Amino acid sequence: MTDDRGDAPAILFLCLGNICRSPLAEGVARAAFADAGIAVRLDSAGTGDWHVGHPPDRRAQAEARRHDVDIGDLRARQLVRGDFHRFDLILAADADNLRTARALAPADATARLMLMLDLVPGRAGESVTDPYYGADDGFAETWADVSAVAAALVAATGPSSG
């Protein structure tokens, strides 16, 4: 893909409402890629439309701030068919969202779809912890999950990856 963003990889993080897991994943990945000096295009979306236009959950924002990452400017959006051409990789937080994305994908989609944790050794097939209905400490678990994903992405994208 060599459109207006050049050769930088384009990655979309996907969860259900785009207010917890995927904005946390986008935030930590932005920080990890910036620290590594790697150009990349990142975004996040949800398969549902309940929170479109809303900022991330206040607990997600607080967890990100604990790690010196600000996700307060992000706004929820819904996955659209064009995303399957705009992104090289769409990473879903869980199997349900992966199924939904696959069902929405056009026949000529160019994006690769997989689970976020498939990138983390020993975690293939697992879901990123969904903290929405739980206690605040669930957001720390989610942060740990998406941090591992970001580290794996940086390692796979970096100059020594190949």
Protein backbone atom coordinates (compact mmCIF):
# COMPACT_ATOMS: atom_id res chain seq x y z
CA MET A 1 0.00 0.00 0.00
CA THR A 2 1.65 3.19 -1.11
CA ASP A 3 -1.02 5.85 -0.87
CA ASP A 4 -0.74 9.23 0.91
CA ARG A 5 0.81 7.65 3.97
CA GLY A 6 3.74 6.15 2.03
CA ASP A 7 5.09 2.76 2.93
CA ALA A 8 4.28 2.96 6.66
CA PRO A 9 2.24 -0.02 7.82
CA ALA A 10 -1.37 0.73 8.73
CA ILE A 11 -2.86 -1.12 11.70
CA LEU A 12 -6.41 -0.98 13.05
CA PHE A 13 -7.26 -2.21 16.56
CA LEU A 14 -10.81 -3.52 16.90
CA CYS A 15 -13.09 -4.25 19.85
CA LEU A 16 -16.83 -4.04 20.49
CA GLY A 17 -17.53 -0.41 21.45
CA ASN A 18 -14.15 1.28 20.81
CA ILE A 19 -14.00 2.83 24.30
CA CYS A 20 -11.83 0.38 26.26
CA ARG A 21 -9.64 -2.27 24.66
CA SER A 22 -9.02 -0.87 21.18
CA PRO A 23 -8.25 2.73 22.25
CA LEU A 24 -5.89 1.38 24.93
CA ALA A 25 -4.22 -0.75 22.26
CA GLU A 26 -3.96 2.24 19.93
CA GLY A 27 -2.52 4.41 22.68
CA VAL A 28 0.14 1.99 23.85
CA ALA A 29 1.06 1.12 20.26
CA ARG A 30 1.44 4.81 19.37
CA ALA A 31 3.82 5.23 22.30
CA ALA A 32 5.76 2.04 21.53
CA PHE A 33 6.22 2.84 17.85
CA ALA A 34 7.19 6.45 18.64
CA ASP A 35 9.77 5.24 21.18
CA ALA A 36 11.18 2.87 18.56
CA GLY A 37 11.24 5.61 15.91
CA ILE A 38 9.08 3.57 13.54
CA ALA A 39 6.58 5.28 11.23
CA VAL A 40 3.20 3.61 11.33
CA ARG A 41 -0.44 4.58 10.88
CA LEU A 42 -2.65 3.47 13.76
CA ASP A 43 -6.36 3.71 14.47
CA SER A 44 -9.04 1.92 16.44
CA ALA A 45 -12.69 1.09 15.86
CA GLY A 46 -15.56 -0.92 17.27
CA THR A 47 -17.90 -3.37 15.63
CA GLY A 48 -20.83 -1.74 17.45
CA ASP A 49 -22.13 1.80 17.12
CA TRP A 50 -23.24 2.57 20.69
CA HIS A 51 -20.35 4.88 21.55
CA VAL A 52 -19.59 6.53 18.18
CA GLY A 53 -18.14 9.99 18.79
CA HIS A 54 -17.49 9.39 22.49
CA PRO A 55 -14.07 9.50 24.16
CA PRO A 56 -12.60 6.36 25.72
CA ASP A 57 -14.07 5.16 29.02
CA ARG A 58 -12.79 7.31 31.91
CA ARG A 59 -11.22 4.21 33.49
CA ALA A 60 -9.35 3.42 30.27
CA GLN A 61 -8.10 7.00 30.13
CA ALA A 62 -6.97 6.79 33.77
CA GLU A 63 -5.08 3.55 33.12
CA ALA A 64 -3.35 5.02 30.09
CA ARG A 65 -2.38 8.14 32.08
CA ARG A 66 -0.82 5.88 34.74
CA HIS A 67 1.60 4.86 31.98
CA ASP A 68 2.12 8.41 30.65
CA VAL A 69 -0.08 7.82 27.60
CA ASP A 70 -2.92 10.20 26.77
CA ILE A 71 -5.86 8.71 24.86
CA GLY A 72 -8.33 11.46 25.77
CA ASP A 73 -8.40 12.89 22.26
CA LEU A 74 -9.52 9.60 20.68
CA ARG A 75 -13.17 9.23 19.66
CA ALA A 76 -15.04 6.00 19.09
CA ARG A 77 -15.95 5.06 15.57
CA GLN A 78 -17.48 2.00 13.97
CA LEU A 79 -15.65 -0.37 11.63
CA VAL A 80 -16.56 0.33 8.00
CA ARG A 81 -15.99 -1.66 4.82
CA GLY A 82 -13.37 0.83 3.61
CA ASP A 83 -11.17 -0.10 6.59
CA PHE A 84 -10.45 -3.42 4.88
CA HIS A 85 -8.59 -1.49 2.18
CA ARG A 86 -7.14 1.35 4.26
CA PHE A 87 -5.34 -0.94 6.72
CA ASP A 88 -2.78 -3.68 6.22
CA LEU A 89 -3.68 -5.41 9.47
CA ILE A 90 -6.89 -5.42 11.53
CA LEU A 91 -6.36 -6.81 15.02
CA ALA A 92 -9.48 -7.87 16.93
CA ALA A 93 -9.62 -8.05 20.72
CA ASP A 94 -11.62 -11.29 20.76
CA ALA A 95 -13.11 -14.03 18.59
CA ASP A 96 -16.59 -12.47 18.44
CA ASN A 97 -15.26 -9.21 17.03
CA LEU A 98 -13.00 -11.10 14.64
CA ARG A 99 -16.05 -13.03 13.34
CA THR A 100 -18.02 -9.82 12.94
CA ALA A 101 -15.14 -8.21 11.04
CA ARG A 102 -14.77 -11.22 8.75
CA ALA A 103 -18.50 -11.12 7.99
CA LEU A 104 -18.27 -7.41 7.09
CA ALA A 105 -15.10 -7.73 5.00
CA PRO A 106 -15.63 -7.24 1.27
CA ALA A 107 -14.53 -10.05 -1.03
CA ASP A 108 -11.61 -7.95 -2.29
CA ALA A 109 -10.37 -6.93 1.16
CA THR A 110 -6.61 -6.43 1.37
CA ALA A 111 -6.28 -6.23 5.17
CA ARG A 112 -5.13 -9.26 7.12
CA LEU A 113 -7.44 -10.05 10.06
CA MET A 114 -6.34 -11.76 13.25
CA LEU A 115 -6.65 -11.64 17.01
CA MET A 116 -4.43 -9.15 18.83
CA LEU A 117 -2.96 -11.77 21.13
CA ASP A 118 -2.12 -14.08 18.21
CA LEU A 119 1.00 -11.90 17.93
CA VAL A 120 2.14 -12.72 21.47
CA PRO A 121 4.02 -16.02 21.93
CA GLY A 122 1.96 -18.47 23.97
CA ARG A 123 -1.23 -16.36 23.76
CA ALA A 124 -2.59 -17.30 20.33
CA GLY A 125 -6.37 -17.67 20.31
CA GLU A 126 -6.81 -15.74 23.56
CA SER A 127 -8.95 -12.64 24.05
CA VAL A 128 -7.73 -9.32 25.39
CA THR A 129 -9.25 -8.87 28.84
CA ASP A 130 -12.55 -6.97 28.56
CA PRO A 131 -12.67 -4.64 31.57
CA TYR A 132 -15.89 -2.78 30.81
CA TYR A 133 -18.27 -4.50 33.22
CA GLY A 134 -15.68 -5.33 35.87
CA ALA A 135 -13.77 -3.51 38.56
CA ASP A 136 -11.28 -0.79 37.74
CA ASP A 137 -8.33 -3.18 38.15
CA GLY A 138 -9.46 -4.98 35.00
CA PHE A 139 -8.09 -2.04 33.04
CA ALA A 140 -4.60 -2.85 34.32
CA GLU A 141 -5.00 -6.38 32.96
CA THR A 142 -6.14 -4.98 29.63
CA TRP A 143 -3.14 -2.62 29.60
CA ALA A 144 -0.82 -5.58 30.17
CA ASP A 145 -2.45 -7.49 27.30
CA VAL A 146 -2.29 -4.63 24.79
CA SER A 147 1.24 -3.69 25.89
CA ALA A 148 2.36 -7.20 24.97
CA VAL A 149 0.64 -6.79 21.59
CA ALA A 150 2.34 -3.43 20.99
CA ALA A 151 5.76 -4.87 21.87
CA ALA A 152 5.20 -7.77 19.46
CA LEU A 153 4.13 -5.37 16.69
CA VAL A 154 7.20 -3.17 17.18
CA ALA A 155 9.47 -6.22 17.17
CA ALA A 156 7.85 -7.50 13.96
CA THR A 157 7.97 -4.09 12.25
CA GLY A 158 11.36 -2.85 13.41
CA PRO A 159 14.48 -2.67 11.22
CA SER A 160 15.86 -5.96 12.51
CA SER A 161 12.63 -7.86 11.71
CA GLY A 162 13.65 -8.45 8.32
